[in-house]
Amino acid sequence: SFAGANEADVNCLRNFKSGVTDPNDYLSSWVFDNQTAGFICKFSGVTCWHDDENRVLSIRLSGFGLGGEFPVGIKQCSDLMGLELSRNNFSGVLPKNNFTGPLPPELVSLPRLTKFSVAFNQLTGHVPNFNLKFGRENFSSNEGLCGQPMDPCVDPEEDIIRLGKIGAAVGAALFAPLGAFLDWFVFSGRKKKQEDRRHRSWIFHIGD
């Protein structure tokens, strides 16, 4: 094992490098035969939390001309806070993950963005106004997202009012038949008492 190293982060970068194409040899500094603490912090585009600790803070490889499928091994860098891979040539499907929080509204300022999918995450809030540029399937399986092309967003106060109206309607639907039954029961009881009195009166007169 690497002395003083976070082996998971080392494997993260090793798998990253082996999973992409690097035609310009920008990742030539990513050499893994070193065993010193913090050696990966000297890799091109890599920043660590501390220079003497193999714990990756960010990976910034914008414009490196890298290709291949999205490097799924990146998930092994569990302390990663920043990832910049723009202006490369990655292809394929972005893997399922657990992204949380709202979508940045600045996404609508990317006119050349033609393919975009954040399905199967835990995102919340409004979908930026892409003018229906992307279909519902690109945002599916994010229960907290709302707005076109997803279901309309509901204001929390309006939602409470709506639920109150629904509750009142359900209550009315349930109690209306009960009320009618009670009215019938009371009416029937009164009618029976009146008939019983008339019957006793008739018997009394016969007896006389």
N, C-alpha and C. Protein backbone atom coordinates (compact mmCIF):
# COMPACT_ATOMS: atom_id res chain seq x y z
N SER A 1 0.84 -1.19 0.00
CA SER A 1 0.00 0.00 0.00
C SER A 1 0.88 1.24 0.00
N PHE A 2 0.28 2.37 -0.42
CA PHE A 2 1.03 3.62 -0.46
C PHE A 2 1.14 4.19 0.94
N ALA A 3 2.35 4.58 1.32
CA ALA A 3 2.57 5.15 2.64
C ALA A 3 1.84 6.47 2.76
N GLY A 4 1.01 6.58 3.78
CA GLY A 4 0.28 7.82 4.02
C GLY A 4 -0.70 8.18 2.93
N ALA A 5 -1.05 7.25 2.08
CA ALA A 5 -1.90 7.59 0.94
C ALA A 5 -3.34 7.19 1.18
N ASN A 6 -4.22 7.92 0.57
CA ASN A 6 -5.61 7.50 0.49
C ASN A 6 -5.72 6.66 -0.77
N GLU A 7 -5.69 5.35 -0.60
CA GLU A 7 -5.61 4.46 -1.75
C GLU A 7 -6.81 4.59 -2.67
N ALA A 8 -7.97 4.90 -2.09
CA ALA A 8 -9.17 5.05 -2.92
C ALA A 8 -8.99 6.19 -3.92
N ASP A 9 -8.41 7.31 -3.48
CA ASP A 9 -8.20 8.44 -4.37
C ASP A 9 -7.15 8.12 -5.42
N VAL A 10 -6.12 7.37 -5.03
CA VAL A 10 -5.10 6.96 -5.99
C VAL A 10 -5.72 6.08 -7.06
N ASN A 11 -6.54 5.12 -6.64
CA ASN A 11 -7.22 4.25 -7.61
C ASN A 11 -8.20 5.03 -8.47
N CYS A 12 -8.79 6.06 -7.89
CA CYS A 12 -9.71 6.92 -8.64
C CYS A 12 -9.00 7.52 -9.84
N LEU A 13 -7.83 8.11 -9.60
CA LEU A 13 -7.08 8.75 -10.69
C LEU A 13 -6.50 7.71 -11.65
N ARG A 14 -6.07 6.58 -11.11
CA ARG A 14 -5.53 5.53 -11.97
C ARG A 14 -6.62 5.04 -12.95
N ASN A 15 -7.81 4.78 -12.42
CA ASN A 15 -8.91 4.32 -13.27
C ASN A 15 -9.36 5.40 -14.25
N PHE A 16 -9.29 6.65 -13.79
CA PHE A 16 -9.64 7.76 -14.68
C PHE A 16 -8.72 7.76 -15.89
N LYS A 17 -7.43 7.70 -15.63
CA LYS A 17 -6.45 7.76 -16.72
C LYS A 17 -6.58 6.57 -17.66
N SER A 18 -6.77 5.39 -17.10
CA SER A 18 -6.85 4.19 -17.95
C SER A 18 -8.15 4.12 -18.74
N GLY A 19 -9.15 4.89 -18.32
CA GLY A 19 -10.45 4.82 -18.98
C GLY A 19 -10.68 5.87 -20.04
N VAL A 20 -9.73 6.79 -20.24
CA VAL A 20 -9.91 7.84 -21.24
C VAL A 20 -8.79 7.78 -22.27
N THR A 21 -9.03 8.42 -23.39
CA THR A 21 -7.97 8.57 -24.40
C THR A 21 -7.33 9.94 -24.21
N ASP A 22 -6.03 10.00 -24.37
CA ASP A 22 -5.27 11.23 -24.12
C ASP A 22 -4.33 11.49 -25.30
N PRO A 23 -4.89 11.91 -26.44
CA PRO A 23 -4.08 12.06 -27.66
C PRO A 23 -2.98 13.10 -27.54
N ASN A 24 -3.16 14.07 -26.66
CA ASN A 24 -2.15 15.12 -26.51
C ASN A 24 -1.17 14.83 -25.37
N ASP A 25 -1.33 13.70 -24.71
CA ASP A 25 -0.43 13.27 -23.64
C ASP A 25 -0.38 14.27 -22.48
N TYR A 26 -1.53 14.89 -22.21
CA TYR A 26 -1.58 15.85 -21.12
C TYR A 26 -1.49 15.17 -19.75
N LEU A 27 -1.83 13.89 -19.69
CA LEU A 27 -1.81 13.18 -18.41
C LEU A 27 -0.51 12.41 -18.20
N SER A 28 0.54 12.82 -18.89
CA SER A 28 1.83 12.12 -18.77
C SER A 28 2.42 12.23 -17.37
N SER A 29 2.02 13.27 -16.63
CA SER A 29 2.54 13.42 -15.26
C SER A 29 1.83 12.49 -14.28
N TRP A 30 0.78 11.83 -14.74
CA TRP A 30 0.04 10.92 -13.87
C TRP A 30 0.76 9.57 -13.83
N VAL A 31 1.81 9.48 -13.06
CA VAL A 31 2.62 8.27 -12.93
C VAL A 31 2.40 7.70 -11.53
N PHE A 32 2.08 6.41 -11.46
CA PHE A 32 1.65 5.82 -10.19
C PHE A 32 2.68 4.91 -9.53
N ASP A 33 3.95 5.05 -9.90
CA ASP A 33 4.98 4.21 -9.28
C ASP A 33 5.65 4.91 -8.10
N ASN A 34 5.07 6.02 -7.68
CA ASN A 34 5.58 6.78 -6.54
C ASN A 34 4.84 6.35 -5.28
N GLN A 35 5.51 6.32 -4.14
CA GLN A 35 4.88 5.88 -2.91
C GLN A 35 4.91 6.96 -1.83
N THR A 36 5.19 8.17 -2.18
CA THR A 36 5.27 9.24 -1.19
C THR A 36 3.91 9.87 -0.96
N ALA A 37 3.71 10.38 0.24
CA ALA A 37 2.46 11.04 0.57
C ALA A 37 2.32 12.31 -0.25
N GLY A 38 1.18 12.48 -0.86
CA GLY A 38 0.90 13.68 -1.63
C GLY A 38 1.42 13.65 -3.05
N PHE A 39 1.89 12.49 -3.53
CA PHE A 39 2.48 12.47 -4.88
C PHE A 39 1.44 12.76 -5.96
N ILE A 40 0.18 12.38 -5.74
CA ILE A 40 -0.84 12.65 -6.77
C ILE A 40 -1.19 14.13 -6.84
N CYS A 41 -0.82 14.88 -5.80
CA CYS A 41 -1.12 16.32 -5.79
C CYS A 41 -0.29 17.08 -6.81
N LYS A 42 0.73 16.43 -7.35
CA LYS A 42 1.57 17.05 -8.38
C LYS A 42 1.09 16.72 -9.79
N PHE A 43 0.04 15.93 -9.89
CA PHE A 43 -0.49 15.58 -11.21
C PHE A 43 -1.11 16.81 -11.87
N SER A 44 -0.95 16.90 -13.17
CA SER A 44 -1.53 18.01 -13.92
C SER A 44 -3.05 18.01 -13.76
N GLY A 45 -3.59 19.16 -13.35
CA GLY A 45 -5.03 19.32 -13.21
C GLY A 45 -5.61 18.85 -11.90
N VAL A 46 -4.78 18.31 -11.01
CA VAL A 46 -5.26 17.77 -9.73
C VAL A 46 -4.88 18.70 -8.59
N THR A 47 -5.84 18.99 -7.73
CA THR A 47 -5.60 19.77 -6.51
C THR A 47 -6.02 18.92 -5.32
N CYS A 48 -5.18 18.88 -4.30
CA CYS A 48 -5.48 18.10 -3.09
C CYS A 48 -5.92 19.02 -1.95
N TRP A 49 -6.54 18.41 -0.96
CA TRP A 49 -6.91 19.17 0.23
C TRP A 49 -5.65 19.68 0.93
N HIS A 50 -4.64 18.83 0.99
CA HIS A 50 -3.34 19.21 1.55
C HIS A 50 -2.25 18.63 0.66
N ASP A 51 -1.18 19.37 0.48
CA ASP A 51 -0.12 18.93 -0.44
C ASP A 51 0.56 17.64 0.00
N ASP A 52 0.47 17.32 1.27
CA ASP A 52 1.14 16.11 1.76
C ASP A 52 0.13 14.99 2.03
N GLU A 53 -1.02 15.08 1.40
CA GLU A 53 -2.07 14.08 1.62
C GLU A 53 -2.72 13.71 0.30
N ASN A 54 -2.77 12.44 -0.02
CA ASN A 54 -3.37 11.99 -1.28
C ASN A 54 -4.89 11.97 -1.18
N ARG A 55 -5.46 13.14 -1.02
CA ARG A 55 -6.91 13.27 -0.93
C ARG A 55 -7.32 14.37 -1.91
N VAL A 56 -8.00 13.98 -2.98
CA VAL A 56 -8.27 14.89 -4.09
C VAL A 56 -9.39 15.86 -3.76
N LEU A 57 -9.11 17.14 -3.94
CA LEU A 57 -10.11 18.20 -3.75
C LEU A 57 -10.82 18.52 -5.05
N SER A 58 -10.06 18.64 -6.14
CA SER A 58 -10.67 18.98 -7.43
C SER A 58 -9.84 18.41 -8.58
N ILE A 59 -10.52 18.21 -9.69
CA ILE A 59 -9.88 17.76 -10.93
C ILE A 59 -10.32 18.73 -12.02
N ARG A 60 -9.38 19.43 -12.61
CA ARG A 60 -9.70 20.42 -13.64
C ARG A 60 -8.90 20.10 -14.90
N LEU A 61 -9.60 19.55 -15.88
CA LEU A 61 -8.95 19.10 -17.12
C LEU A 61 -9.62 19.71 -18.34
N SER A 62 -10.08 20.92 -18.21
CA SER A 62 -10.78 21.59 -19.31
C SER A 62 -9.86 21.79 -20.50
N GLY A 63 -10.34 21.43 -21.70
CA GLY A 63 -9.60 21.66 -22.92
C GLY A 63 -8.42 20.73 -23.13
N PHE A 64 -8.38 19.61 -22.45
CA PHE A 64 -7.27 18.67 -22.60
C PHE A 64 -7.43 17.76 -23.82
N GLY A 65 -8.58 17.81 -24.47
CA GLY A 65 -8.80 16.95 -25.64
C GLY A 65 -8.99 15.49 -25.29
N LEU A 66 -9.38 15.21 -24.06
CA LEU A 66 -9.58 13.83 -23.63
C LEU A 66 -10.82 13.25 -24.31
N GLY A 67 -10.82 11.94 -24.50
CA GLY A 67 -11.95 11.29 -25.17
C GLY A 67 -12.33 10.00 -24.47
N GLY A 68 -13.29 9.31 -25.08
CA GLY A 68 -13.79 8.06 -24.50
C GLY A 68 -15.06 8.30 -23.71
N GLU A 69 -15.53 7.25 -23.04
CA GLU A 69 -16.73 7.37 -22.23
C GLU A 69 -16.43 8.12 -20.93
N PHE A 70 -17.50 8.65 -20.34
CA PHE A 70 -17.33 9.38 -19.08
C PHE A 70 -16.66 8.47 -18.05
N PRO A 71 -15.61 8.94 -17.38
CA PRO A 71 -14.84 8.09 -16.45
C PRO A 71 -15.61 7.79 -15.17
N VAL A 72 -16.26 6.64 -15.13
CA VAL A 72 -17.09 6.28 -13.97
C VAL A 72 -16.25 6.06 -12.71
N GLY A 73 -14.95 5.80 -12.87
CA GLY A 73 -14.09 5.59 -11.71
C GLY A 73 -13.95 6.82 -10.84
N ILE A 74 -14.44 7.95 -11.32
CA ILE A 74 -14.33 9.20 -10.57
C ILE A 74 -15.06 9.11 -9.23
N LYS A 75 -16.02 8.18 -9.13
CA LYS A 75 -16.79 8.05 -7.89
C LYS A 75 -15.91 7.61 -6.72
N GLN A 76 -14.73 7.08 -7.00
CA GLN A 76 -13.82 6.65 -5.93
C GLN A 76 -13.15 7.82 -5.24
N CYS A 77 -13.18 8.99 -5.87
CA CYS A 77 -12.65 10.20 -5.22
C CYS A 77 -13.76 10.78 -4.34
N SER A 78 -13.95 10.17 -3.18
CA SER A 78 -15.11 10.49 -2.34
C SER A 78 -15.07 11.88 -1.73
N ASP A 79 -13.91 12.52 -1.68
CA ASP A 79 -13.80 13.87 -1.11
C ASP A 79 -13.75 14.95 -2.18
N LEU A 80 -14.02 14.57 -3.41
CA LEU A 80 -13.94 15.51 -4.54
C LEU A 80 -15.00 16.60 -4.40
N MET A 81 -14.58 17.86 -4.54
CA MET A 81 -15.49 19.00 -4.45
C MET A 81 -15.67 19.72 -5.79
N GLY A 82 -14.72 19.55 -6.71
CA GLY A 82 -14.80 20.24 -8.00
C GLY A 82 -14.37 19.34 -9.13
N LEU A 83 -15.13 19.38 -10.23
CA LEU A 83 -14.80 18.57 -11.41
C LEU A 83 -15.06 19.40 -12.66
N GLU A 84 -14.01 19.69 -13.41
CA GLU A 84 -14.11 20.50 -14.63
C GLU A 84 -13.59 19.69 -15.80
N LEU A 85 -14.52 19.27 -16.67
CA LEU A 85 -14.15 18.44 -17.83
C LEU A 85 -14.67 19.05 -19.13
N SER A 86 -14.92 20.32 -19.15
CA SER A 86 -15.46 20.95 -20.35
C SER A 86 -14.43 20.96 -21.48
N ARG A 87 -14.94 21.14 -22.71
CA ARG A 87 -14.11 21.21 -23.92
C ARG A 87 -13.22 19.97 -24.08
N ASN A 88 -13.83 18.81 -23.84
CA ASN A 88 -13.19 17.53 -24.14
C ASN A 88 -14.09 16.76 -25.10
N ASN A 89 -13.80 15.52 -25.33
CA ASN A 89 -14.57 14.75 -26.32
C ASN A 89 -15.17 13.48 -25.72
N PHE A 90 -15.72 13.61 -24.52
CA PHE A 90 -16.34 12.45 -23.89
C PHE A 90 -17.64 12.10 -24.59
N SER A 91 -17.99 10.83 -24.53
CA SER A 91 -19.21 10.36 -25.17
C SER A 91 -19.90 9.35 -24.26
N GLY A 92 -21.07 8.89 -24.69
CA GLY A 92 -21.79 7.90 -23.90
C GLY A 92 -22.75 8.53 -22.92
N VAL A 93 -23.27 7.71 -22.03
CA VAL A 93 -24.31 8.13 -21.09
C VAL A 93 -23.69 8.46 -19.74
N LEU A 94 -24.11 9.58 -19.16
CA LEU A 94 -23.67 9.93 -17.82
C LEU A 94 -24.26 8.91 -16.85
N PRO A 95 -23.45 8.24 -16.04
CA PRO A 95 -23.97 7.18 -15.17
C PRO A 95 -24.92 7.71 -14.11
N LYS A 96 -25.76 6.79 -13.59
CA LYS A 96 -26.65 7.15 -12.49
C LYS A 96 -25.80 7.52 -11.28
N ASN A 97 -26.24 8.52 -10.54
CA ASN A 97 -25.49 8.94 -9.37
C ASN A 97 -26.45 9.56 -8.38
N ASN A 98 -25.96 10.29 -7.43
CA ASN A 98 -26.80 10.86 -6.38
C ASN A 98 -26.63 12.37 -6.29
N PHE A 99 -26.60 13.06 -7.44
CA PHE A 99 -26.52 14.51 -7.42
C PHE A 99 -27.74 15.06 -6.68
N THR A 100 -27.52 16.06 -5.85
CA THR A 100 -28.61 16.67 -5.10
C THR A 100 -28.61 18.18 -5.32
N GLY A 101 -29.69 18.83 -4.85
CA GLY A 101 -29.79 20.27 -4.97
C GLY A 101 -30.47 20.71 -6.25
N PRO A 102 -30.56 22.03 -6.47
CA PRO A 102 -31.23 22.54 -7.67
C PRO A 102 -30.31 22.55 -8.89
N LEU A 103 -30.92 22.63 -10.06
CA LEU A 103 -30.14 22.78 -11.30
C LEU A 103 -29.72 24.24 -11.45
N PRO A 104 -28.47 24.52 -11.80
CA PRO A 104 -28.02 25.90 -11.96
C PRO A 104 -28.80 26.60 -13.09
N PRO A 105 -29.41 27.75 -12.82
CA PRO A 105 -30.14 28.46 -13.87
C PRO A 105 -29.25 28.92 -15.01
N GLU A 106 -27.94 29.00 -14.76
CA GLU A 106 -27.00 29.44 -15.79
C GLU A 106 -26.93 28.47 -16.97
N LEU A 107 -27.49 27.28 -16.80
CA LEU A 107 -27.46 26.29 -17.88
C LEU A 107 -28.15 26.80 -19.14
N VAL A 108 -29.13 27.69 -18.96
CA VAL A 108 -29.85 28.20 -20.13
C VAL A 108 -28.98 29.13 -20.95
N SER A 109 -27.83 29.52 -20.41
CA SER A 109 -26.92 30.42 -21.13
C SER A 109 -25.89 29.66 -21.96
N LEU A 110 -26.16 28.38 -22.19
CA LEU A 110 -25.26 27.55 -23.00
C LEU A 110 -25.96 27.20 -24.30
N PRO A 111 -25.93 28.10 -25.29
CA PRO A 111 -26.70 27.89 -26.52
C PRO A 111 -26.26 26.68 -27.33
N ARG A 112 -25.03 26.23 -27.15
CA ARG A 112 -24.55 25.09 -27.93
C ARG A 112 -24.83 23.75 -27.25
N LEU A 113 -25.43 23.81 -26.09
CA LEU A 113 -25.76 22.58 -25.37
C LEU A 113 -26.92 21.88 -26.07
N THR A 114 -26.64 20.74 -26.68
CA THR A 114 -27.68 20.01 -27.43
C THR A 114 -28.05 18.68 -26.79
N LYS A 115 -27.20 18.17 -25.92
CA LYS A 115 -27.51 16.92 -25.23
C LYS A 115 -27.30 17.14 -23.73
N PHE A 116 -28.34 16.82 -22.97
CA PHE A 116 -28.27 17.07 -21.53
C PHE A 116 -29.21 16.12 -20.81
N SER A 117 -28.69 15.36 -19.87
CA SER A 117 -29.53 14.45 -19.10
C SER A 117 -29.03 14.36 -17.67
N VAL A 118 -29.95 14.55 -16.73
CA VAL A 118 -29.63 14.40 -15.30
C VAL A 118 -30.61 13.42 -14.66
N ALA A 119 -31.09 12.48 -15.46
CA ALA A 119 -32.05 11.49 -14.96
C ALA A 119 -31.42 10.62 -13.88
N PHE A 120 -32.28 10.09 -13.02
CA PHE A 120 -31.86 9.17 -11.95
C PHE A 120 -30.92 9.84 -10.96
N ASN A 121 -31.33 10.98 -10.45
CA ASN A 121 -30.60 11.66 -9.39
C ASN A 121 -31.57 12.04 -8.28
N GLN A 122 -31.17 12.97 -7.45
CA GLN A 122 -32.02 13.44 -6.35
C GLN A 122 -32.11 14.97 -6.39
N LEU A 123 -32.30 15.50 -7.60
CA LEU A 123 -32.34 16.95 -7.78
C LEU A 123 -33.69 17.51 -7.37
N THR A 124 -33.69 18.78 -6.99
CA THR A 124 -34.91 19.43 -6.53
C THR A 124 -35.04 20.81 -7.16
N GLY A 125 -36.22 21.41 -7.01
CA GLY A 125 -36.43 22.77 -7.48
C GLY A 125 -36.93 22.86 -8.91
N HIS A 126 -36.88 24.08 -9.46
CA HIS A 126 -37.38 24.36 -10.79
C HIS A 126 -36.40 23.90 -11.87
N VAL A 127 -36.93 23.36 -12.94
CA VAL A 127 -36.12 23.07 -14.12
C VAL A 127 -35.87 24.39 -14.84
N PRO A 128 -34.62 24.74 -15.16
CA PRO A 128 -34.36 25.98 -15.89
C PRO A 128 -35.16 26.05 -17.19
N ASN A 129 -35.46 27.24 -17.62
CA ASN A 129 -36.29 27.44 -18.81
C ASN A 129 -35.49 27.17 -20.08
N PHE A 130 -35.49 25.89 -20.48
CA PHE A 130 -34.80 25.49 -21.71
C PHE A 130 -35.70 25.64 -22.94
N ASN A 131 -36.90 26.22 -22.76
CA ASN A 131 -37.86 26.34 -23.86
C ASN A 131 -38.16 24.98 -24.50
N LEU A 132 -38.35 23.97 -23.62
CA LEU A 132 -38.71 22.61 -24.06
C LEU A 132 -37.65 22.02 -24.99
N LYS A 133 -36.41 22.49 -24.84
CA LYS A 133 -35.32 21.99 -25.67
C LYS A 133 -34.99 20.53 -25.34
N PHE A 134 -35.23 20.16 -24.08
CA PHE A 134 -34.96 18.80 -23.63
C PHE A 134 -36.24 18.17 -23.10
N GLY A 135 -36.44 16.90 -23.43
CA GLY A 135 -37.67 16.21 -23.06
C GLY A 135 -37.69 15.76 -21.61
N ARG A 136 -38.86 15.29 -21.21
CA ARG A 136 -39.09 14.84 -19.84
C ARG A 136 -38.12 13.73 -19.43
N GLU A 137 -37.78 12.86 -20.38
CA GLU A 137 -36.92 11.72 -20.06
C GLU A 137 -35.54 12.16 -19.57
N ASN A 138 -35.12 13.38 -19.92
CA ASN A 138 -33.81 13.88 -19.50
C ASN A 138 -33.78 14.31 -18.03
N PHE A 139 -34.97 14.41 -17.41
CA PHE A 139 -35.05 14.84 -16.02
C PHE A 139 -35.77 13.81 -15.15
N SER A 140 -36.09 12.65 -15.71
CA SER A 140 -36.90 11.66 -15.00
C SER A 140 -36.19 11.11 -13.77
N SER A 141 -37.00 10.54 -12.87
CA SER A 141 -36.50 9.94 -11.63
C SER A 141 -35.77 10.95 -10.74
N ASN A 142 -36.25 12.19 -10.75
CA ASN A 142 -35.86 13.23 -9.80
C ASN A 142 -37.15 13.74 -9.18
N GLU A 143 -37.57 13.14 -8.07
CA GLU A 143 -38.88 13.44 -7.51
C GLU A 143 -39.05 14.90 -7.10
N GLY A 144 -37.94 15.59 -6.85
CA GLY A 144 -38.04 16.96 -6.39
C GLY A 144 -38.04 18.01 -7.48
N LEU A 145 -37.89 17.61 -8.75
CA LEU A 145 -37.88 18.58 -9.85
C LEU A 145 -39.29 18.89 -10.31
N CYS A 146 -39.51 20.14 -10.69
CA CYS A 146 -40.82 20.55 -11.18
C CYS A 146 -40.65 21.64 -12.23
N GLY A 147 -41.72 21.92 -12.96
CA GLY A 147 -41.67 22.88 -14.06
C GLY A 147 -41.40 22.18 -15.37
N GLN A 148 -41.79 22.81 -16.47
CA GLN A 148 -41.65 22.19 -17.79
C GLN A 148 -40.24 21.65 -18.02
N PRO A 149 -40.15 20.41 -18.51
CA PRO A 149 -41.20 19.51 -19.00
C PRO A 149 -41.78 18.59 -17.93
N MET A 150 -41.45 18.84 -16.64
CA MET A 150 -41.98 18.03 -15.56
C MET A 150 -43.33 18.60 -15.11
N ASP A 151 -43.87 18.08 -14.02
CA ASP A 151 -45.14 18.58 -13.51
C ASP A 151 -44.98 20.01 -13.02
N PRO A 152 -46.07 20.80 -13.04
CA PRO A 152 -45.98 22.20 -12.61
C PRO A 152 -45.52 22.31 -11.16
N CYS A 153 -44.79 23.38 -10.87
CA CYS A 153 -44.35 23.63 -9.50
C CYS A 153 -45.52 24.19 -8.70
N VAL A 154 -45.59 23.84 -7.44
CA VAL A 154 -46.67 24.29 -6.57
C VAL A 154 -46.06 25.03 -5.39
N ASP A 155 -46.55 26.26 -5.15
CA ASP A 155 -46.09 27.04 -4.01
C ASP A 155 -46.52 26.33 -2.73
N PRO A 156 -45.64 26.24 -1.71
CA PRO A 156 -46.00 25.53 -0.48
C PRO A 156 -47.30 26.01 0.14
N GLU A 157 -47.54 27.35 0.16
CA GLU A 157 -48.77 27.87 0.74
C GLU A 157 -49.98 27.45 -0.09
N GLU A 158 -49.81 27.53 -1.42
CA GLU A 158 -50.90 27.11 -2.29
C GLU A 158 -51.17 25.62 -2.13
N ASP A 159 -50.11 24.87 -1.88
CA ASP A 159 -50.27 23.43 -1.70
C ASP A 159 -51.07 23.13 -0.44
N ILE A 160 -50.81 23.90 0.63
CA ILE A 160 -51.57 23.71 1.86
C ILE A 160 -53.04 24.04 1.64
N ILE A 161 -53.30 25.15 0.91
CA ILE A 161 -54.68 25.52 0.62
C ILE A 161 -55.35 24.46 -0.23
N ARG A 162 -54.60 23.95 -1.23
CA ARG A 162 -55.16 22.93 -2.10
C ARG A 162 -55.50 21.66 -1.32
N LEU A 163 -54.59 21.27 -0.42
CA LEU A 163 -54.85 20.08 0.39
C LEU A 163 -56.03 20.30 1.31
N GLY A 164 -56.17 21.55 1.82
CA GLY A 164 -57.31 21.86 2.67
C GLY A 164 -58.63 21.73 1.92
N LYS A 165 -58.64 22.22 0.67
CA LYS A 165 -59.85 22.12 -0.14
C LYS A 165 -60.18 20.67 -0.45
N ILE A 166 -59.13 19.90 -0.74
CA ILE A 166 -59.35 18.48 -1.02
C ILE A 166 -59.92 17.79 0.22
N GLY A 167 -59.35 18.13 1.39
CA GLY A 167 -59.83 17.53 2.63
C GLY A 167 -61.28 17.89 2.90
N ALA A 168 -61.63 19.17 2.64
CA ALA A 168 -63.01 19.60 2.85
C ALA A 168 -63.96 18.88 1.91
N ALA A 169 -63.53 18.73 0.65
CA ALA A 169 -64.38 18.03 -0.32
C ALA A 169 -64.57 16.57 0.06
N VAL A 170 -63.48 15.94 0.50
CA VAL A 170 -63.59 14.53 0.92
C VAL A 170 -64.48 14.41 2.14
N GLY A 171 -64.31 15.35 3.08
CA GLY A 171 -65.15 15.33 4.28
C GLY A 171 -66.61 15.49 3.94
N ALA A 172 -66.90 16.43 3.02
CA ALA A 172 -68.29 16.63 2.62
C ALA A 172 -68.85 15.39 1.95
N ALA A 173 -68.03 14.76 1.12
CA ALA A 173 -68.49 13.55 0.42
C ALA A 173 -68.78 12.41 1.40
N LEU A 174 -68.00 12.36 2.48
CA LEU A 174 -68.18 11.28 3.46
C LEU A 174 -69.35 11.55 4.39
N PHE A 175 -69.53 12.82 4.80
CA PHE A 175 -70.53 13.13 5.80
C PHE A 175 -71.92 13.40 5.22
N ALA A 176 -71.98 13.71 3.92
CA ALA A 176 -73.30 13.94 3.31
C ALA A 176 -74.20 12.72 3.42
N PRO A 177 -73.73 11.52 3.04
CA PRO A 177 -74.58 10.33 3.21
C PRO A 177 -74.92 10.05 4.67
N LEU A 178 -73.96 10.33 5.58
CA LEU A 178 -74.21 10.11 7.00
C LEU A 178 -75.29 11.06 7.49
N GLY A 179 -75.20 12.32 7.03
CA GLY A 179 -76.22 13.29 7.41
C GLY A 179 -77.60 12.89 6.92
N ALA A 180 -77.65 12.43 5.67
CA ALA A 180 -78.93 11.99 5.11
C ALA A 180 -79.48 10.81 5.90
N PHE A 181 -78.62 9.89 6.30
CA PHE A 181 -79.06 8.73 7.07
C PHE A 181 -79.60 9.16 8.42
N LEU A 182 -78.91 10.11 9.08
CA LEU A 182 -79.37 10.58 10.38
C LEU A 182 -80.73 11.26 10.26
N ASP A 183 -80.91 12.08 9.20
CA ASP A 183 -82.20 12.72 8.98
C ASP A 183 -83.29 11.69 8.80
N TRP A 184 -83.00 10.66 8.00
CA TRP A 184 -83.99 9.60 7.76
C TRP A 184 -84.30 8.85 9.05
N PHE A 185 -83.24 8.61 9.85
CA PHE A 185 -83.41 7.86 11.10
C PHE A 185 -84.30 8.65 12.07
N VAL A 186 -84.02 9.95 12.20
CA VAL A 186 -84.81 10.79 13.11
C VAL A 186 -86.25 10.87 12.63
N PHE A 187 -86.41 11.09 11.30
CA PHE A 187 -87.76 11.19 10.74
C PHE A 187 -88.54 9.90 10.95
N SER A 188 -87.86 8.76 10.71
CA SER A 188 -88.52 7.46 10.86
C SER A 188 -88.92 7.24 12.31
N GLY A 189 -88.04 7.67 13.24
CA GLY A 189 -88.37 7.50 14.66
C GLY A 189 -89.58 8.30 15.05
N ARG A 190 -89.66 9.55 14.56
CA ARG A 190 -90.81 10.39 14.87
C ARG A 190 -92.09 9.80 14.29
N LYS A 191 -91.98 9.33 13.05
CA LYS A 191 -93.16 8.76 12.39
C LYS A 191 -93.65 7.54 13.14
N LYS A 192 -92.72 6.69 13.61
CA LYS A 192 -93.10 5.48 14.33
C LYS A 192 -93.79 5.83 15.65
N LYS A 193 -93.26 6.86 16.36
CA LYS A 193 -93.88 7.27 17.61
C LYS A 193 -95.30 7.78 17.38
N GLN A 194 -95.50 8.56 16.30
CA GLN A 194 -96.84 9.06 15.99
C GLN A 194 -97.80 7.92 15.70
N GLU A 195 -97.32 6.92 14.93
CA GLU A 195 -98.17 5.77 14.62
C GLU A 195 -98.50 4.97 15.87
N ASP A 196 -97.51 4.83 16.78
CA ASP A 196 -97.75 4.10 18.02
C ASP A 196 -98.80 4.81 18.86
N ARG A 197 -98.77 6.16 18.91
CA ARG A 197 -99.76 6.90 19.69
C ARG A 197 -101.15 6.73 19.11
N ARG A 198 -101.24 6.78 17.75
CA ARG A 198 -102.55 6.60 17.12
C ARG A 198 -103.09 5.19 17.38
N HIS A 199 -102.19 4.21 17.37
CA HIS A 199 -102.60 2.82 17.59
C HIS A 199 -103.13 2.64 19.02
N ARG A 200 -102.41 3.23 20.00
CA ARG A 200 -102.87 3.11 21.39
C ARG A 200 -104.19 3.82 21.59
N SER A 201 -104.37 4.95 20.93
CA SER A 201 -105.63 5.70 21.03
C SER A 201 -106.78 4.89 20.47
N TRP A 202 -106.57 4.20 19.37
CA TRP A 202 -107.62 3.38 18.74
C TRP A 202 -108.01 2.23 19.65
N ILE A 203 -106.99 1.61 20.29
CA ILE A 203 -107.26 0.51 21.21
C ILE A 203 -108.06 1.01 22.41
N PHE A 204 -107.71 2.21 22.88
CA PHE A 204 -108.40 2.79 24.03
C PHE A 204 -109.88 3.00 23.72
N HIS A 205 -110.18 3.54 22.53
CA HIS A 205 -111.57 3.79 22.16
C HIS A 205 -112.33 2.49 21.96
N ILE A 206 -111.71 1.45 21.44
CA ILE A 206 -112.36 0.16 21.28
C ILE A 206 -112.71 -0.42 22.64
N GLY A 207 -111.79 -0.25 23.57
CA GLY A 207 -112.01 -0.79 24.90
C GLY A 207 -113.17 -0.11 25.59
N ASP A 208 -113.41 1.20 25.31
CA ASP A 208 -114.54 1.91 25.90
C ASP A 208 -115.85 1.34 25.37
